Amino acid sequence: MTTVTIYSVNDSGLNEIAEFLGREHRLGRDHFASSMLRAWADDAEFQLSEGNPASIEIRACDARGGATIEYTISPAGLTAETVEIDE
């Protein structure tokens, strides 16, 4: 058996995403329901599964500044779980 670490975005990470969207997304924080924030978190978790940092991106057309902007969730915004898998 092999052990792997699986990361997930926790409540603190969801709050980070909400704050980032509030600052940088043209629609503002109030536009994003909990399910929408979870979808952004799923994107960050996918990045982690690919070996990348836990990041999300706002497209240029949706960003207040008119340029693509990326945000990386802090380690405090992630929960790690070590699991055993069969190979």
N, C-alpha and C. Protein backbone atom coordinates (compact mmCIF):
# COMPACT_ATOMS: atom_id res chain seq x y z
N MET A 1 0.83 -1.19 0.00
CA MET A 1 0.00 0.00 0.00
C MET A 1 0.87 1.25 0.00
N THR A 2 0.33 2.26 -0.60
CA THR A 2 1.00 3.55 -0.68
C THR A 2 0.13 4.59 0.02
N THR A 3 0.77 5.53 0.69
CA THR A 3 0.00 6.61 1.30
C THR A 3 0.11 7.86 0.43
N VAL A 4 -1.00 8.56 0.32
CA VAL A 4 -1.04 9.83 -0.40
C VAL A 4 -1.75 10.86 0.47
N THR A 5 -1.43 12.10 0.24
CA THR A 5 -2.08 13.18 0.97
C THR A 5 -3.06 13.86 0.04
N ILE A 6 -4.29 13.95 0.50
CA ILE A 6 -5.35 14.59 -0.27
C ILE A 6 -5.69 15.91 0.43
N TYR A 7 -5.66 16.98 -0.33
CA TYR A 7 -5.95 18.30 0.22
C TYR A 7 -7.36 18.74 -0.18
N SER A 8 -8.01 19.43 0.73
CA SER A 8 -9.31 20.01 0.42
C SER A 8 -9.37 21.42 0.98
N VAL A 9 -10.19 22.25 0.37
CA VAL A 9 -10.37 23.63 0.83
C VAL A 9 -11.33 23.60 2.02
N ASN A 10 -10.90 24.17 3.13
CA ASN A 10 -11.73 24.20 4.34
C ASN A 10 -12.50 25.52 4.43
N ASP A 11 -13.20 25.73 5.55
CA ASP A 11 -14.00 26.95 5.71
C ASP A 11 -13.16 28.21 5.63
N SER A 12 -11.96 28.16 6.16
CA SER A 12 -11.07 29.31 6.09
C SER A 12 -10.71 29.61 4.63
N GLY A 13 -10.46 28.56 3.86
CA GLY A 13 -10.15 28.71 2.44
C GLY A 13 -11.34 29.27 1.66
N LEU A 14 -12.55 28.81 2.01
CA LEU A 14 -13.74 29.35 1.36
C LEU A 14 -13.88 30.84 1.66
N ASN A 15 -13.54 31.23 2.90
CA ASN A 15 -13.57 32.65 3.26
C ASN A 15 -12.53 33.44 2.47
N GLU A 16 -11.36 32.87 2.28
CA GLU A 16 -10.32 33.53 1.47
C GLU A 16 -10.83 33.75 0.05
N ILE A 17 -11.46 32.73 -0.51
CA ILE A 17 -12.00 32.84 -1.87
C ILE A 17 -13.04 33.96 -1.93
N ALA A 18 -13.94 33.98 -0.94
CA ALA A 18 -14.99 35.01 -0.91
C ALA A 18 -14.38 36.41 -0.83
N GLU A 19 -13.35 36.57 0.01
CA GLU A 19 -12.71 37.88 0.13
C GLU A 19 -12.01 38.28 -1.17
N PHE A 20 -11.34 37.33 -1.80
CA PHE A 20 -10.67 37.59 -3.07
C PHE A 20 -11.68 38.03 -4.13
N LEU A 21 -12.78 37.29 -4.24
CA LEU A 21 -13.80 37.64 -5.23
C LEU A 21 -14.42 38.99 -4.91
N GLY A 22 -14.60 39.28 -3.63
CA GLY A 22 -15.14 40.58 -3.24
C GLY A 22 -14.26 41.74 -3.65
N ARG A 23 -12.96 41.53 -3.58
CA ARG A 23 -12.00 42.58 -3.95
C ARG A 23 -11.82 42.70 -5.46
N GLU A 24 -11.79 41.56 -6.14
CA GLU A 24 -11.29 41.55 -7.51
C GLU A 24 -12.31 41.24 -8.60
N HIS A 25 -13.42 40.60 -8.27
CA HIS A 25 -14.40 40.23 -9.31
C HIS A 25 -15.36 41.38 -9.54
N ARG A 26 -15.69 41.65 -10.78
CA ARG A 26 -16.55 42.80 -11.11
C ARG A 26 -17.96 42.67 -10.53
N LEU A 27 -18.41 41.45 -10.25
CA LEU A 27 -19.74 41.25 -9.68
C LEU A 27 -19.77 41.39 -8.16
N GLY A 28 -18.62 41.40 -7.52
CA GLY A 28 -18.55 41.58 -6.07
C GLY A 28 -18.91 40.34 -5.28
N ARG A 29 -18.62 40.37 -4.00
CA ARG A 29 -18.79 39.23 -3.10
C ARG A 29 -20.24 38.76 -3.01
N ASP A 30 -21.18 39.66 -2.94
CA ASP A 30 -22.57 39.28 -2.71
C ASP A 30 -23.17 38.46 -3.85
N HIS A 31 -22.54 38.49 -5.00
CA HIS A 31 -23.04 37.72 -6.14
C HIS A 31 -22.86 36.21 -5.94
N PHE A 32 -21.87 35.81 -5.16
CA PHE A 32 -21.46 34.42 -5.07
C PHE A 32 -22.10 33.70 -3.89
N ALA A 33 -23.02 32.78 -4.20
CA ALA A 33 -23.66 31.95 -3.19
C ALA A 33 -22.67 30.88 -2.71
N SER A 34 -23.01 30.22 -1.63
CA SER A 34 -22.14 29.18 -1.07
C SER A 34 -21.78 28.11 -2.09
N SER A 35 -22.76 27.70 -2.89
CA SER A 35 -22.49 26.67 -3.90
C SER A 35 -21.51 27.17 -4.95
N MET A 36 -21.56 28.45 -5.25
CA MET A 36 -20.63 29.02 -6.23
C MET A 36 -19.22 29.09 -5.64
N LEU A 37 -19.12 29.45 -4.36
CA LEU A 37 -17.80 29.46 -3.71
C LEU A 37 -17.22 28.06 -3.69
N ARG A 38 -18.07 27.06 -3.46
CA ARG A 38 -17.62 25.67 -3.45
C ARG A 38 -17.09 25.27 -4.83
N ALA A 39 -17.70 25.78 -5.89
CA ALA A 39 -17.22 25.50 -7.25
C ALA A 39 -15.82 26.09 -7.46
N TRP A 40 -15.59 27.30 -6.94
CA TRP A 40 -14.26 27.89 -7.02
C TRP A 40 -13.26 27.04 -6.23
N ALA A 41 -13.69 26.55 -5.06
CA ALA A 41 -12.83 25.70 -4.24
C ALA A 41 -12.51 24.40 -4.99
N ASP A 42 -13.49 23.85 -5.70
CA ASP A 42 -13.26 22.65 -6.49
C ASP A 42 -12.17 22.88 -7.54
N ASP A 43 -12.16 24.07 -8.13
CA ASP A 43 -11.11 24.41 -9.10
C ASP A 43 -9.74 24.39 -8.43
N ALA A 44 -9.66 24.96 -7.22
CA ALA A 44 -8.39 24.98 -6.49
C ALA A 44 -7.95 23.56 -6.13
N GLU A 45 -8.90 22.72 -5.73
CA GLU A 45 -8.58 21.33 -5.39
C GLU A 45 -8.10 20.57 -6.63
N PHE A 46 -8.69 20.86 -7.77
CA PHE A 46 -8.22 20.24 -9.01
C PHE A 46 -6.77 20.63 -9.28
N GLN A 47 -6.46 21.91 -9.10
CA GLN A 47 -5.08 22.35 -9.30
C GLN A 47 -4.12 21.58 -8.40
N LEU A 48 -4.53 21.38 -7.15
CA LEU A 48 -3.71 20.61 -6.21
C LEU A 48 -3.52 19.18 -6.70
N SER A 49 -4.57 18.58 -7.21
CA SER A 49 -4.47 17.19 -7.68
C SER A 49 -3.54 17.05 -8.88
N GLU A 50 -3.33 18.16 -9.58
CA GLU A 50 -2.42 18.17 -10.73
C GLU A 50 -0.98 18.52 -10.33
N GLY A 51 -0.76 18.74 -9.02
CA GLY A 51 0.58 19.08 -8.54
C GLY A 51 0.89 20.56 -8.55
N ASN A 52 -0.13 21.37 -8.74
CA ASN A 52 0.03 22.83 -8.76
C ASN A 52 -0.41 23.41 -7.41
N PRO A 53 -0.10 24.69 -7.18
CA PRO A 53 -0.62 25.35 -5.98
C PRO A 53 -2.15 25.42 -6.02
N ALA A 54 -2.76 25.58 -4.85
CA ALA A 54 -4.22 25.68 -4.74
C ALA A 54 -4.64 27.07 -5.19
N SER A 55 -4.80 27.24 -6.50
CA SER A 55 -5.06 28.57 -7.02
C SER A 55 -6.35 28.61 -7.84
N ILE A 56 -6.88 29.83 -7.91
CA ILE A 56 -8.05 30.11 -8.75
C ILE A 56 -7.72 31.34 -9.57
N GLU A 57 -8.50 31.56 -10.63
CA GLU A 57 -8.21 32.65 -11.54
C GLU A 57 -9.50 33.34 -11.96
N ILE A 58 -9.46 34.66 -11.98
CA ILE A 58 -10.55 35.44 -12.53
C ILE A 58 -10.12 35.89 -13.92
N ARG A 59 -10.95 35.60 -14.90
CA ARG A 59 -10.65 36.00 -16.28
C ARG A 59 -10.63 37.53 -16.39
N ALA A 60 -9.90 38.01 -17.34
CA ALA A 60 -9.77 39.46 -17.54
C ALA A 60 -11.12 40.14 -17.69
N CYS A 61 -12.04 39.53 -18.41
CA CYS A 61 -13.34 40.16 -18.65
C CYS A 61 -14.20 40.22 -17.38
N ASP A 62 -13.86 39.44 -16.35
CA ASP A 62 -14.60 39.44 -15.09
C ASP A 62 -13.87 40.18 -13.96
N ALA A 63 -12.63 40.57 -14.21
CA ALA A 63 -11.83 41.22 -13.18
C ALA A 63 -12.07 42.73 -13.18
N ARG A 64 -12.11 43.30 -12.01
CA ARG A 64 -12.29 44.76 -11.89
C ARG A 64 -11.20 45.54 -12.60
N GLY A 65 -9.99 45.02 -12.55
CA GLY A 65 -8.87 45.72 -13.17
C GLY A 65 -8.72 45.47 -14.66
N GLY A 66 -9.53 44.56 -15.21
CA GLY A 66 -9.46 44.30 -16.65
C GLY A 66 -8.34 43.38 -17.07
N ALA A 67 -7.63 42.78 -16.12
CA ALA A 67 -6.56 41.83 -16.42
C ALA A 67 -6.80 40.56 -15.61
N THR A 68 -6.40 39.44 -16.18
CA THR A 68 -6.53 38.17 -15.47
C THR A 68 -5.79 38.26 -14.15
N ILE A 69 -6.41 37.73 -13.10
CA ILE A 69 -5.79 37.78 -11.79
C ILE A 69 -5.94 36.41 -11.13
N GLU A 70 -4.86 35.97 -10.48
CA GLU A 70 -4.82 34.67 -9.85
C GLU A 70 -4.68 34.83 -8.34
N TYR A 71 -5.25 33.89 -7.61
CA TYR A 71 -5.13 33.88 -6.16
C TYR A 71 -4.77 32.47 -5.71
N THR A 72 -3.81 32.35 -4.80
CA THR A 72 -3.43 31.07 -4.23
C THR A 72 -3.90 31.01 -2.78
N ILE A 73 -4.65 29.99 -2.46
CA ILE A 73 -5.19 29.80 -1.12
C ILE A 73 -4.03 29.49 -0.17
N SER A 74 -4.05 30.09 1.01
CA SER A 74 -2.98 29.89 1.99
C SER A 74 -3.05 28.48 2.57
N PRO A 75 -1.95 28.02 3.16
CA PRO A 75 -1.97 26.70 3.82
C PRO A 75 -3.06 26.59 4.90
N ALA A 76 -3.37 27.69 5.58
CA ALA A 76 -4.42 27.65 6.60
C ALA A 76 -5.79 27.40 5.99
N GLY A 77 -5.94 27.63 4.70
CA GLY A 77 -7.21 27.42 4.02
C GLY A 77 -7.38 26.02 3.46
N LEU A 78 -6.42 25.15 3.77
CA LEU A 78 -6.46 23.78 3.26
C LEU A 78 -6.41 22.77 4.40
N THR A 79 -7.08 21.66 4.20
CA THR A 79 -7.03 20.55 5.13
C THR A 79 -6.38 19.38 4.40
N ALA A 80 -5.43 18.73 5.08
CA ALA A 80 -4.74 17.59 4.50
C ALA A 80 -5.19 16.30 5.17
N GLU A 81 -5.41 15.29 4.36
CA GLU A 81 -5.78 13.97 4.87
C GLU A 81 -4.89 12.94 4.20
N THR A 82 -4.23 12.12 4.98
CA THR A 82 -3.39 11.06 4.45
C THR A 82 -4.20 9.77 4.38
N VAL A 83 -4.22 9.18 3.21
CA VAL A 83 -4.96 7.94 3.00
C VAL A 83 -4.05 6.90 2.35
N GLU A 84 -4.40 5.65 2.56
CA GLU A 84 -3.68 4.55 1.93
C GLU A 84 -4.45 4.12 0.70
N ILE A 85 -3.69 3.86 -0.37
CA ILE A 85 -4.33 3.39 -1.60
C ILE A 85 -3.62 2.11 -2.07
N ASP A 86 -4.35 1.28 -2.76
CA ASP A 86 -3.77 0.09 -3.38
C ASP A 86 -3.26 0.48 -4.74
N GLU A 87 -2.10 -0.04 -5.06
CA GLU A 87 -1.55 0.24 -6.40
C GLU A 87 -1.61 -0.98 -7.26
